[in-house]
Amino acid sequence: MARASHVVVFLVFSNLAIAMGATLPLLDPYVGKCKSSCEEELNLSLYLHQVVSGAAHNQEVILSPGFANSFGVMAVNDWTMHNTTDSTASIIARAKGMHIQATQSQANGEAWFLPFSMVFEDSSFGGSTLQVMGTISGANGEWAIVGGTGKLSMARGTIKFTKVQPESNPNTENYRKIDIHAFYTPSPAVSIVTLLN
């Protein structure tokens, strides 16, 4: 008469043999690996429209501690971005974030530190974002792209900007031409491969 331990061993090995002979779905060995180049490149020029005050303002001061050189002033922003300096043109993206005056000494001028999410509204990248950080301390400068989401996932790169002054309201309204150069990794499509015997 067979012992219980022999029956258990027989059942384990017979089930293993059946499982090994069955057709098993396996993940594609290239999913998550680059077949050639994972990254795609983005080169895009837009115009950032900042309206400091007035009926159509798109930023608001939320903290003004009263220090010299406006040090510590903080504002939230929802700046619009268009493909032209015409503010009535279609909105491609919005810069949603904040900017903080981070220089104490008047001798050093101003340096507005800004972290923001560039949220795309156009059909190409709608809902995707670029995460941006940097400073504004003059008419020209550069910001870092430190991340992205959606179609622009894991983005990295830079944004160079140049101030383009509008014809009217130079003290309350600004346009900056921004040149975006970034690399991003689109999400891979997951596929299942069935091995045949």
N, C-alpha and C. Protein backbone atom coordinates (compact mmCIF):
# COMPACT_ATOMS: atom_id res chain seq x y z
N MET A 1 0.83 -1.16 0.00
CA MET A 1 0.00 0.00 0.00
C MET A 1 0.89 1.24 0.00
N ALA A 2 0.53 2.20 -0.85
CA ALA A 2 1.34 3.40 -0.98
C ALA A 2 1.14 4.32 0.21
N ARG A 3 2.23 4.93 0.60
CA ARG A 3 2.15 5.88 1.70
C ARG A 3 1.60 7.21 1.20
N ALA A 4 1.11 8.02 2.13
CA ALA A 4 0.56 9.34 1.79
C ALA A 4 1.64 10.23 1.19
N SER A 5 2.87 10.12 1.67
CA SER A 5 3.95 10.97 1.14
C SER A 5 4.25 10.62 -0.31
N HIS A 6 4.15 9.36 -0.70
CA HIS A 6 4.38 8.96 -2.09
C HIS A 6 3.28 9.53 -2.99
N VAL A 7 2.07 9.53 -2.50
CA VAL A 7 0.94 10.08 -3.27
C VAL A 7 1.14 11.57 -3.49
N VAL A 8 1.56 12.28 -2.47
CA VAL A 8 1.79 13.73 -2.58
C VAL A 8 2.90 14.02 -3.58
N VAL A 9 3.99 13.26 -3.52
CA VAL A 9 5.10 13.45 -4.46
C VAL A 9 4.62 13.17 -5.88
N PHE A 10 3.85 12.10 -6.06
CA PHE A 10 3.33 11.76 -7.39
C PHE A 10 2.44 12.89 -7.93
N LEU A 11 1.57 13.43 -7.09
CA LEU A 11 0.66 14.50 -7.52
C LEU A 11 1.44 15.77 -7.88
N VAL A 12 2.43 16.11 -7.09
CA VAL A 12 3.23 17.31 -7.38
C VAL A 12 3.93 17.18 -8.72
N PHE A 13 4.60 16.06 -8.94
CA PHE A 13 5.35 15.90 -10.20
C PHE A 13 4.42 15.74 -11.40
N SER A 14 3.30 15.11 -11.25
CA SER A 14 2.39 14.96 -12.38
C SER A 14 1.77 16.31 -12.76
N ASN A 15 1.42 17.12 -11.77
CA ASN A 15 0.91 18.45 -12.06
C ASN A 15 1.97 19.33 -12.70
N LEU A 16 3.20 19.21 -12.26
CA LEU A 16 4.30 19.96 -12.85
C LEU A 16 4.50 19.57 -14.30
N ALA A 17 4.43 18.27 -14.59
CA ALA A 17 4.60 17.80 -15.97
C ALA A 17 3.47 18.30 -16.86
N ILE A 18 2.26 18.31 -16.36
CA ILE A 18 1.12 18.82 -17.13
C ILE A 18 1.29 20.31 -17.38
N ALA A 19 1.70 21.04 -16.36
CA ALA A 19 1.87 22.48 -16.50
C ALA A 19 2.96 22.82 -17.50
N MET A 20 4.05 22.04 -17.52
CA MET A 20 5.15 22.32 -18.45
C MET A 20 4.76 22.02 -19.88
N GLY A 21 3.85 21.08 -20.08
CA GLY A 21 3.44 20.73 -21.44
C GLY A 21 2.38 21.66 -22.00
N ALA A 22 1.75 22.44 -21.14
CA ALA A 22 0.69 23.34 -21.59
C ALA A 22 1.28 24.55 -22.30
N THR A 23 0.47 25.19 -23.14
CA THR A 23 0.88 26.42 -23.81
C THR A 23 0.79 27.56 -22.81
N LEU A 24 1.91 28.23 -22.56
CA LEU A 24 1.96 29.29 -21.56
C LEU A 24 2.08 30.65 -22.22
N PRO A 25 1.26 31.62 -21.81
CA PRO A 25 1.47 32.97 -22.32
C PRO A 25 2.66 33.60 -21.60
N LEU A 26 3.54 34.20 -22.36
CA LEU A 26 4.71 34.87 -21.79
C LEU A 26 4.73 36.31 -22.26
N LEU A 27 5.30 37.17 -21.45
CA LEU A 27 5.47 38.55 -21.88
C LEU A 27 6.54 38.64 -22.94
N ASP A 28 6.35 39.54 -23.87
CA ASP A 28 7.35 39.81 -24.89
C ASP A 28 8.66 40.16 -24.20
N PRO A 29 9.78 39.51 -24.53
CA PRO A 29 11.05 39.81 -23.84
C PRO A 29 11.55 41.22 -24.09
N TYR A 30 10.98 41.93 -25.08
CA TYR A 30 11.43 43.28 -25.38
C TYR A 30 10.59 44.37 -24.71
N VAL A 31 9.50 43.98 -24.06
CA VAL A 31 8.68 44.97 -23.38
C VAL A 31 9.51 45.58 -22.25
N GLY A 32 9.55 46.89 -22.22
CA GLY A 32 10.33 47.58 -21.20
C GLY A 32 11.79 47.76 -21.57
N LYS A 33 12.22 47.19 -22.69
CA LYS A 33 13.60 47.36 -23.15
C LYS A 33 13.57 48.10 -24.48
N CYS A 34 14.61 48.81 -24.75
CA CYS A 34 14.69 49.56 -26.01
C CYS A 34 15.09 48.63 -27.15
N LYS A 35 14.28 48.62 -28.19
CA LYS A 35 14.67 47.85 -29.37
C LYS A 35 15.67 48.66 -30.19
N SER A 36 15.48 49.96 -30.25
CA SER A 36 16.47 50.83 -30.89
C SER A 36 16.67 52.03 -29.99
N SER A 37 15.72 52.96 -29.97
CA SER A 37 15.82 54.11 -29.09
C SER A 37 14.46 54.33 -28.44
N CYS A 38 14.43 54.34 -27.12
CA CYS A 38 13.17 54.52 -26.39
C CYS A 38 12.68 55.95 -26.45
N GLU A 39 13.58 56.90 -26.45
CA GLU A 39 13.20 58.30 -26.33
C GLU A 39 12.80 58.91 -27.67
N GLU A 40 11.88 59.86 -27.56
CA GLU A 40 11.52 60.69 -28.69
C GLU A 40 11.87 62.12 -28.34
N GLU A 41 12.07 62.94 -29.36
CA GLU A 41 12.52 64.31 -29.16
C GLU A 41 11.38 65.28 -29.43
N LEU A 42 11.30 66.32 -28.62
CA LEU A 42 10.29 67.37 -28.79
C LEU A 42 11.00 68.70 -28.98
N ASN A 43 10.71 69.38 -30.08
CA ASN A 43 11.18 70.74 -30.34
C ASN A 43 9.94 71.56 -30.66
N LEU A 44 9.65 72.55 -29.82
CA LEU A 44 8.41 73.31 -29.96
C LEU A 44 8.64 74.74 -29.50
N SER A 45 8.15 75.70 -30.26
CA SER A 45 8.22 77.12 -29.88
C SER A 45 6.82 77.64 -29.62
N LEU A 46 6.65 78.31 -28.49
CA LEU A 46 5.37 78.89 -28.10
C LEU A 46 5.60 80.28 -27.53
N TYR A 47 4.51 80.99 -27.26
CA TYR A 47 4.58 82.30 -26.61
C TYR A 47 3.81 82.26 -25.31
N LEU A 48 4.52 82.48 -24.20
CA LEU A 48 3.92 82.50 -22.88
C LEU A 48 3.37 83.90 -22.63
N HIS A 49 2.09 83.98 -22.26
CA HIS A 49 1.42 85.27 -22.06
C HIS A 49 1.16 85.47 -20.57
N GLN A 50 1.83 86.45 -19.99
CA GLN A 50 1.70 86.79 -18.57
C GLN A 50 0.98 88.12 -18.45
N VAL A 51 -0.15 88.12 -17.74
CA VAL A 51 -0.90 89.36 -17.50
C VAL A 51 -0.88 89.61 -16.00
N VAL A 52 -0.10 90.62 -15.59
CA VAL A 52 0.15 90.89 -14.18
C VAL A 52 -1.09 91.46 -13.49
N SER A 53 -1.79 92.39 -14.14
CA SER A 53 -2.95 93.03 -13.52
C SER A 53 -3.98 93.37 -14.59
N GLY A 54 -5.14 93.78 -14.13
CA GLY A 54 -6.22 94.13 -15.04
C GLY A 54 -7.29 93.05 -15.05
N ALA A 55 -8.31 93.28 -15.85
CA ALA A 55 -9.47 92.38 -15.88
C ALA A 55 -9.10 90.97 -16.34
N ALA A 56 -8.14 90.87 -17.24
CA ALA A 56 -7.76 89.56 -17.79
C ALA A 56 -6.51 88.98 -17.13
N HIS A 57 -6.18 89.44 -15.90
CA HIS A 57 -4.95 88.97 -15.25
C HIS A 57 -4.99 87.45 -15.07
N ASN A 58 -3.79 86.84 -15.20
CA ASN A 58 -3.71 85.38 -15.06
C ASN A 58 -2.68 84.97 -13.99
N GLN A 59 -2.53 85.83 -13.00
CA GLN A 59 -1.72 85.53 -11.83
C GLN A 59 -2.26 86.34 -10.67
N GLU A 60 -1.98 85.87 -9.46
CA GLU A 60 -2.51 86.54 -8.28
C GLU A 60 -1.49 86.44 -7.15
N VAL A 61 -1.14 87.58 -6.53
CA VAL A 61 -0.24 87.59 -5.38
C VAL A 61 -0.99 86.99 -4.19
N ILE A 62 -0.38 86.00 -3.54
CA ILE A 62 -1.02 85.38 -2.38
C ILE A 62 -0.25 85.64 -1.08
N LEU A 63 0.99 86.15 -1.20
CA LEU A 63 1.78 86.46 -0.01
C LEU A 63 2.69 87.63 -0.33
N SER A 64 2.65 88.65 0.52
CA SER A 64 3.51 89.83 0.35
C SER A 64 3.98 90.26 1.74
N PRO A 65 5.11 89.69 2.20
CA PRO A 65 5.55 89.93 3.57
C PRO A 65 6.10 91.32 3.84
N GLY A 66 6.34 92.14 2.83
CA GLY A 66 6.78 93.51 3.04
C GLY A 66 8.27 93.69 3.20
N PHE A 67 9.09 92.70 2.83
CA PHE A 67 10.54 92.83 2.92
C PHE A 67 11.07 93.70 1.78
N ALA A 68 12.30 94.19 1.96
CA ALA A 68 12.95 94.99 0.91
C ALA A 68 13.08 94.18 -0.37
N ASN A 69 13.03 94.86 -1.49
CA ASN A 69 13.18 94.26 -2.82
C ASN A 69 12.09 93.23 -3.12
N SER A 70 10.94 93.36 -2.45
CA SER A 70 9.81 92.44 -2.63
C SER A 70 10.18 91.00 -2.31
N PHE A 71 11.25 90.82 -1.53
CA PHE A 71 11.71 89.48 -1.17
C PHE A 71 10.59 88.70 -0.49
N GLY A 72 10.34 87.50 -0.98
CA GLY A 72 9.31 86.64 -0.39
C GLY A 72 7.93 86.78 -0.98
N VAL A 73 7.74 87.72 -1.90
CA VAL A 73 6.43 87.84 -2.55
C VAL A 73 6.17 86.57 -3.33
N MET A 74 4.98 86.02 -3.16
CA MET A 74 4.62 84.77 -3.84
C MET A 74 3.31 84.98 -4.60
N ALA A 75 3.30 84.50 -5.83
CA ALA A 75 2.09 84.59 -6.65
C ALA A 75 1.82 83.25 -7.32
N VAL A 76 0.55 82.94 -7.48
CA VAL A 76 0.17 81.76 -8.26
C VAL A 76 -0.12 82.22 -9.68
N ASN A 77 0.16 81.34 -10.64
CA ASN A 77 -0.04 81.71 -12.03
C ASN A 77 -0.74 80.62 -12.83
N ASP A 78 -1.48 81.09 -13.82
CA ASP A 78 -2.15 80.23 -14.80
C ASP A 78 -1.93 80.89 -16.17
N TRP A 79 -0.64 81.08 -16.50
CA TRP A 79 -0.28 81.77 -17.74
C TRP A 79 -0.67 80.91 -18.93
N THR A 80 -1.09 81.57 -19.99
CA THR A 80 -1.46 80.85 -21.21
C THR A 80 -0.29 80.82 -22.18
N MET A 81 -0.30 79.81 -23.05
CA MET A 81 0.73 79.67 -24.08
C MET A 81 0.04 79.48 -25.43
N HIS A 82 0.49 80.28 -26.39
CA HIS A 82 -0.09 80.27 -27.73
C HIS A 82 1.02 80.06 -28.75
N ASN A 83 0.64 79.86 -30.01
CA ASN A 83 1.67 79.75 -31.05
C ASN A 83 1.96 81.10 -31.69
N THR A 84 1.42 82.18 -31.13
CA THR A 84 1.63 83.54 -31.61
C THR A 84 1.50 84.50 -30.43
N THR A 85 1.83 85.78 -30.63
CA THR A 85 1.66 86.77 -29.56
C THR A 85 0.24 87.33 -29.51
N ASP A 86 -0.67 86.75 -30.26
CA ASP A 86 -2.07 87.16 -30.22
C ASP A 86 -2.77 86.41 -29.09
N SER A 87 -3.22 87.14 -28.07
CA SER A 87 -3.82 86.50 -26.90
C SER A 87 -5.16 85.85 -27.20
N THR A 88 -5.76 86.15 -28.36
CA THR A 88 -7.03 85.52 -28.72
C THR A 88 -6.82 84.22 -29.51
N ALA A 89 -5.57 83.89 -29.81
CA ALA A 89 -5.27 82.63 -30.52
C ALA A 89 -5.56 81.45 -29.62
N SER A 90 -5.69 80.28 -30.21
CA SER A 90 -5.97 79.06 -29.45
C SER A 90 -4.90 78.83 -28.39
N ILE A 91 -5.34 78.37 -27.24
CA ILE A 91 -4.41 78.06 -26.14
C ILE A 91 -3.83 76.67 -26.39
N ILE A 92 -2.51 76.60 -26.46
CA ILE A 92 -1.82 75.32 -26.65
C ILE A 92 -1.57 74.65 -25.30
N ALA A 93 -1.16 75.47 -24.32
CA ALA A 93 -0.85 74.94 -22.99
C ALA A 93 -1.01 76.05 -21.97
N ARG A 94 -0.97 75.66 -20.70
CA ARG A 94 -1.02 76.63 -19.61
C ARG A 94 0.12 76.34 -18.63
N ALA A 95 0.72 77.40 -18.09
CA ALA A 95 1.75 77.27 -17.06
C ALA A 95 1.07 77.44 -15.71
N LYS A 96 0.78 76.32 -15.05
CA LYS A 96 0.06 76.35 -13.77
C LYS A 96 1.07 76.11 -12.65
N GLY A 97 1.24 77.12 -11.81
CA GLY A 97 2.21 76.98 -10.73
C GLY A 97 2.31 78.24 -9.91
N MET A 98 3.54 78.60 -9.57
CA MET A 98 3.75 79.79 -8.76
C MET A 98 5.10 80.41 -9.10
N HIS A 99 5.29 81.64 -8.66
CA HIS A 99 6.60 82.28 -8.75
C HIS A 99 6.83 83.09 -7.48
N ILE A 100 8.11 83.06 -7.02
CA ILE A 100 8.48 83.64 -5.74
C ILE A 100 9.71 84.52 -5.94
N GLN A 101 9.66 85.75 -5.44
CA GLN A 101 10.82 86.65 -5.54
C GLN A 101 11.85 86.18 -4.51
N ALA A 102 12.99 85.70 -5.00
CA ALA A 102 13.95 85.02 -4.13
C ALA A 102 15.29 85.74 -4.00
N THR A 103 15.32 87.05 -4.25
CA THR A 103 16.57 87.81 -4.09
C THR A 103 16.34 88.92 -3.07
N GLN A 104 17.19 88.97 -2.04
CA GLN A 104 17.03 89.97 -0.98
C GLN A 104 17.60 91.33 -1.36
N SER A 105 18.76 91.35 -1.99
CA SER A 105 19.47 92.60 -2.24
C SER A 105 19.01 93.27 -3.53
N GLN A 106 18.69 94.56 -3.44
CA GLN A 106 18.30 95.32 -4.64
C GLN A 106 19.45 95.42 -5.62
N ALA A 107 20.68 95.37 -5.11
CA ALA A 107 21.85 95.43 -5.99
C ALA A 107 21.89 94.24 -6.95
N ASN A 108 21.28 93.13 -6.53
CA ASN A 108 21.27 91.93 -7.37
C ASN A 108 20.02 91.85 -8.25
N GLY A 109 19.18 92.88 -8.22
CA GLY A 109 17.97 92.87 -9.05
C GLY A 109 16.94 91.91 -8.50
N GLU A 110 16.16 91.35 -9.39
CA GLU A 110 15.15 90.38 -9.01
C GLU A 110 15.46 89.03 -9.61
N ALA A 111 15.04 87.99 -8.93
CA ALA A 111 15.13 86.63 -9.47
C ALA A 111 13.89 85.90 -8.99
N TRP A 112 12.97 85.72 -9.90
CA TRP A 112 11.73 85.03 -9.57
C TRP A 112 11.93 83.54 -9.79
N PHE A 113 11.85 82.78 -8.69
CA PHE A 113 11.94 81.32 -8.79
C PHE A 113 10.55 80.79 -9.14
N LEU A 114 10.50 79.90 -10.13
CA LEU A 114 9.20 79.37 -10.51
C LEU A 114 9.22 77.88 -10.78
N PRO A 115 8.37 77.15 -10.07
CA PRO A 115 8.05 75.77 -10.42
C PRO A 115 6.64 75.77 -11.00
N PHE A 116 6.46 75.12 -12.17
CA PHE A 116 5.10 75.02 -12.71
C PHE A 116 4.95 73.77 -13.57
N SER A 117 3.70 73.41 -13.76
CA SER A 117 3.34 72.33 -14.68
C SER A 117 2.84 72.97 -15.97
N MET A 118 3.46 72.62 -17.08
CA MET A 118 2.97 73.05 -18.38
C MET A 118 1.94 72.00 -18.81
N VAL A 119 0.67 72.37 -18.73
CA VAL A 119 -0.43 71.44 -19.01
C VAL A 119 -0.92 71.70 -20.44
N PHE A 120 -0.76 70.71 -21.30
CA PHE A 120 -1.14 70.87 -22.70
C PHE A 120 -2.64 70.70 -22.88
N GLU A 121 -3.22 71.57 -23.73
CA GLU A 121 -4.64 71.52 -24.05
C GLU A 121 -4.89 71.21 -25.51
N ASP A 122 -3.87 71.23 -26.34
CA ASP A 122 -4.05 70.99 -27.78
C ASP A 122 -4.27 69.50 -28.04
N SER A 123 -4.64 69.16 -29.27
CA SER A 123 -4.97 67.77 -29.59
C SER A 123 -3.73 66.87 -29.63
N SER A 124 -2.55 67.41 -29.89
CA SER A 124 -1.35 66.57 -29.98
C SER A 124 -0.95 65.97 -28.64
N PHE A 125 -0.92 66.79 -27.59
CA PHE A 125 -0.47 66.33 -26.28
C PHE A 125 -1.50 66.59 -25.19
N GLY A 126 -2.74 66.77 -25.54
CA GLY A 126 -3.80 67.13 -24.59
C GLY A 126 -3.77 66.32 -23.30
N GLY A 127 -3.71 67.01 -22.16
CA GLY A 127 -3.69 66.36 -20.87
C GLY A 127 -2.29 65.99 -20.39
N SER A 128 -1.32 65.95 -21.28
CA SER A 128 0.06 65.65 -20.90
C SER A 128 0.69 66.89 -20.26
N THR A 129 1.74 66.67 -19.47
CA THR A 129 2.39 67.80 -18.82
C THR A 129 3.90 67.73 -18.95
N LEU A 130 4.53 68.88 -18.83
CA LEU A 130 5.97 69.01 -18.61
C LEU A 130 6.13 69.70 -17.26
N GLN A 131 7.02 69.19 -16.42
CA GLN A 131 7.29 69.79 -15.12
C GLN A 131 8.52 70.68 -15.27
N VAL A 132 8.37 71.97 -14.95
CA VAL A 132 9.39 72.98 -15.25
C VAL A 132 9.83 73.69 -13.97
N MET A 133 11.13 73.99 -13.88
CA MET A 133 11.67 74.76 -12.76
C MET A 133 12.75 75.70 -13.28
N GLY A 134 12.88 76.85 -12.62
CA GLY A 134 13.94 77.78 -12.99
C GLY A 134 13.69 79.16 -12.41
N THR A 135 14.41 80.15 -12.94
CA THR A 135 14.25 81.53 -12.47
C THR A 135 14.08 82.47 -13.65
N ILE A 136 13.47 83.61 -13.36
CA ILE A 136 13.41 84.73 -14.30
C ILE A 136 14.16 85.87 -13.63
N SER A 137 15.30 86.23 -14.19
CA SER A 137 16.07 87.34 -13.61
C SER A 137 16.47 88.34 -14.68
N GLY A 138 15.92 88.19 -15.87
CA GLY A 138 16.21 89.12 -16.96
C GLY A 138 15.32 88.81 -18.15
N ALA A 139 15.62 89.47 -19.26
CA ALA A 139 14.79 89.29 -20.45
C ALA A 139 14.96 87.91 -21.07
N ASN A 140 16.14 87.32 -20.91
CA ASN A 140 16.43 86.01 -21.49
C ASN A 140 16.84 85.05 -20.39
N GLY A 141 16.64 83.77 -20.63
CA GLY A 141 17.04 82.78 -19.64
C GLY A 141 16.70 81.38 -20.08
N GLU A 142 16.84 80.46 -19.13
CA GLU A 142 16.62 79.06 -19.43
C GLU A 142 16.04 78.37 -18.20
N TRP A 143 15.08 77.48 -18.42
CA TRP A 143 14.48 76.68 -17.36
C TRP A 143 14.77 75.22 -17.62
N ALA A 144 14.67 74.42 -16.57
CA ALA A 144 14.90 72.98 -16.69
C ALA A 144 13.56 72.25 -16.77
N ILE A 145 13.49 71.26 -17.63
CA ILE A 145 12.36 70.34 -17.66
C ILE A 145 12.79 69.13 -16.84
N VAL A 146 12.09 68.90 -15.73
CA VAL A 146 12.52 67.87 -14.78
C VAL A 146 11.60 66.66 -14.75
N GLY A 147 10.63 66.61 -15.63
CA GLY A 147 9.73 65.47 -15.68
C GLY A 147 8.57 65.73 -16.61
N GLY A 148 7.73 64.73 -16.76
CA GLY A 148 6.57 64.85 -17.62
C GLY A 148 5.61 63.71 -17.38
N THR A 149 4.38 63.89 -17.86
CA THR A 149 3.36 62.86 -17.71
C THR A 149 2.62 62.66 -19.03
N GLY A 150 1.80 61.62 -19.07
CA GLY A 150 1.00 61.34 -20.26
C GLY A 150 1.88 60.96 -21.43
N LYS A 151 1.62 61.55 -22.59
CA LYS A 151 2.42 61.27 -23.78
C LYS A 151 3.86 61.75 -23.64
N LEU A 152 4.10 62.64 -22.68
CA LEU A 152 5.44 63.20 -22.46
C LEU A 152 6.09 62.63 -21.20
N SER A 153 5.79 61.38 -20.90
CA SER A 153 6.29 60.79 -19.65
C SER A 153 7.81 60.78 -19.59
N MET A 154 8.32 60.97 -18.39
CA MET A 154 9.75 60.96 -18.08
C MET A 154 10.53 61.97 -18.92
N ALA A 155 9.93 63.13 -19.18
CA ALA A 155 10.60 64.15 -19.99
C ALA A 155 11.78 64.76 -19.26
N ARG A 156 12.78 65.17 -20.04
CA ARG A 156 13.93 65.90 -19.52
C ARG A 156 14.40 66.83 -20.63
N GLY A 157 14.89 68.00 -20.26
CA GLY A 157 15.36 68.93 -21.27
C GLY A 157 15.41 70.34 -20.74
N THR A 158 15.32 71.31 -21.66
CA THR A 158 15.40 72.72 -21.29
C THR A 158 14.38 73.53 -22.07
N ILE A 159 14.07 74.70 -21.52
CA ILE A 159 13.25 75.69 -22.20
C ILE A 159 14.03 77.00 -22.18
N LYS A 160 14.37 77.52 -23.35
CA LYS A 160 15.02 78.82 -23.44
C LYS A 160 13.92 79.85 -23.70
N PHE A 161 14.01 80.99 -22.99
CA PHE A 161 12.99 82.02 -23.18
C PHE A 161 13.61 83.37 -23.49
N THR A 162 12.87 84.17 -24.24
CA THR A 162 13.24 85.53 -24.59
C THR A 162 12.02 86.41 -24.44
N LYS A 163 12.15 87.52 -23.73
CA LYS A 163 11.02 88.42 -23.53
C LYS A 163 10.72 89.15 -24.83
N VAL A 164 9.45 89.14 -25.20
CA VAL A 164 8.98 89.84 -26.40
C VAL A 164 7.92 90.82 -25.91
N GLN A 165 8.25 92.10 -25.89
CA GLN A 165 7.34 93.09 -25.31
C GLN A 165 6.17 93.40 -26.23
N PRO A 166 4.93 93.38 -25.72
CA PRO A 166 3.78 93.74 -26.55
C PRO A 166 3.75 95.24 -26.81
N GLU A 167 2.91 95.64 -27.74
CA GLU A 167 2.80 97.05 -28.11
C GLU A 167 2.19 97.89 -26.99
N SER A 168 1.22 97.33 -26.27
CA SER A 168 0.55 98.10 -25.21
C SER A 168 0.79 97.45 -23.84
N ASN A 169 0.61 98.23 -22.81
CA ASN A 169 0.73 97.76 -21.42
C ASN A 169 2.04 97.04 -21.11
N PRO A 170 3.21 97.65 -21.38
CA PRO A 170 4.47 96.95 -21.13
C PRO A 170 4.73 96.63 -19.66
N ASN A 171 4.07 97.34 -18.72
CA ASN A 171 4.30 97.09 -17.30
C ASN A 171 3.34 96.07 -16.70
N THR A 172 2.28 95.73 -17.40
CA THR A 172 1.29 94.81 -16.84
C THR A 172 1.12 93.54 -17.67
N GLU A 173 1.74 93.50 -18.83
CA GLU A 173 1.56 92.36 -19.73
C GLU A 173 2.89 92.01 -20.39
N ASN A 174 3.23 90.73 -20.39
CA ASN A 174 4.48 90.28 -21.00
C ASN A 174 4.24 89.07 -21.88
N TYR A 175 5.02 89.00 -22.94
CA TYR A 175 5.09 87.78 -23.73
C TYR A 175 6.53 87.30 -23.69
N ARG A 176 6.69 86.00 -23.55
CA ARG A 176 8.02 85.40 -23.65
C ARG A 176 7.95 84.32 -24.71
N LYS A 177 8.86 84.39 -25.66
CA LYS A 177 8.98 83.31 -26.64
C LYS A 177 9.74 82.19 -25.94
N ILE A 178 9.15 81.00 -25.93
CA ILE A 178 9.81 79.87 -25.29
C ILE A 178 10.12 78.80 -26.33
N ASP A 179 11.34 78.32 -26.29
CA ASP A 179 11.79 77.25 -27.19
C ASP A 179 12.05 76.01 -26.34
N ILE A 180 11.18 75.02 -26.54
CA ILE A 180 11.23 73.78 -25.76
C ILE A 180 12.07 72.75 -26.50
N HIS A 181 13.04 72.20 -25.82
CA HIS A 181 13.83 71.08 -26.35
C HIS A 181 13.87 70.01 -25.29
N ALA A 182 13.20 68.88 -25.57
CA ALA A 182 13.07 67.83 -24.56
C ALA A 182 13.13 66.45 -25.19
N PHE A 183 13.46 65.49 -24.37
CA PHE A 183 13.39 64.08 -24.72
C PHE A 183 12.39 63.44 -23.76
N TYR A 184 11.57 62.56 -24.28
CA TYR A 184 10.58 61.89 -23.45
C TYR A 184 10.45 60.43 -23.87
N THR A 185 9.86 59.62 -23.01
CA THR A 185 9.73 58.19 -23.26
C THR A 185 8.26 57.82 -23.32
N PRO A 186 7.74 57.57 -24.53
CA PRO A 186 6.34 57.16 -24.63
C PRO A 186 6.11 55.83 -23.92
N SER A 187 4.92 55.64 -23.39
CA SER A 187 4.60 54.39 -22.71
C SER A 187 4.62 53.24 -23.71
N PRO A 188 5.31 52.11 -23.37
CA PRO A 188 5.35 50.98 -24.30
C PRO A 188 4.01 50.25 -24.31
N ALA A 189 3.68 49.65 -25.45
CA ALA A 189 2.50 48.83 -25.54
C ALA A 189 2.87 47.43 -25.05
N VAL A 190 2.08 46.89 -24.14
CA VAL A 190 2.36 45.57 -23.60
C VAL A 190 1.72 44.53 -24.52
N SER A 191 2.51 43.55 -24.90
CA SER A 191 1.99 42.50 -25.76
C SER A 191 2.23 41.15 -25.11
N ILE A 192 1.36 40.20 -25.41
CA ILE A 192 1.46 38.85 -24.88
C ILE A 192 1.82 37.94 -26.06
N VAL A 193 2.83 37.11 -25.86
CA VAL A 193 3.27 36.17 -26.88
C VAL A 193 2.93 34.77 -26.39
N THR A 194 2.32 33.96 -27.24
CA THR A 194 2.00 32.59 -26.88
C THR A 194 3.01 31.68 -27.52
N LEU A 195 3.67 30.87 -26.72
CA LEU A 195 4.63 29.91 -27.23
C LEU A 195 3.90 28.65 -27.67
N LEU A 196 4.26 28.17 -28.84
CA LEU A 196 3.67 26.93 -29.35
C LEU A 196 4.60 25.77 -29.06
N ASN A 197 4.04 24.60 -28.86
CA ASN A 197 4.86 23.41 -28.59
C ASN A 197 5.60 23.00 -29.84
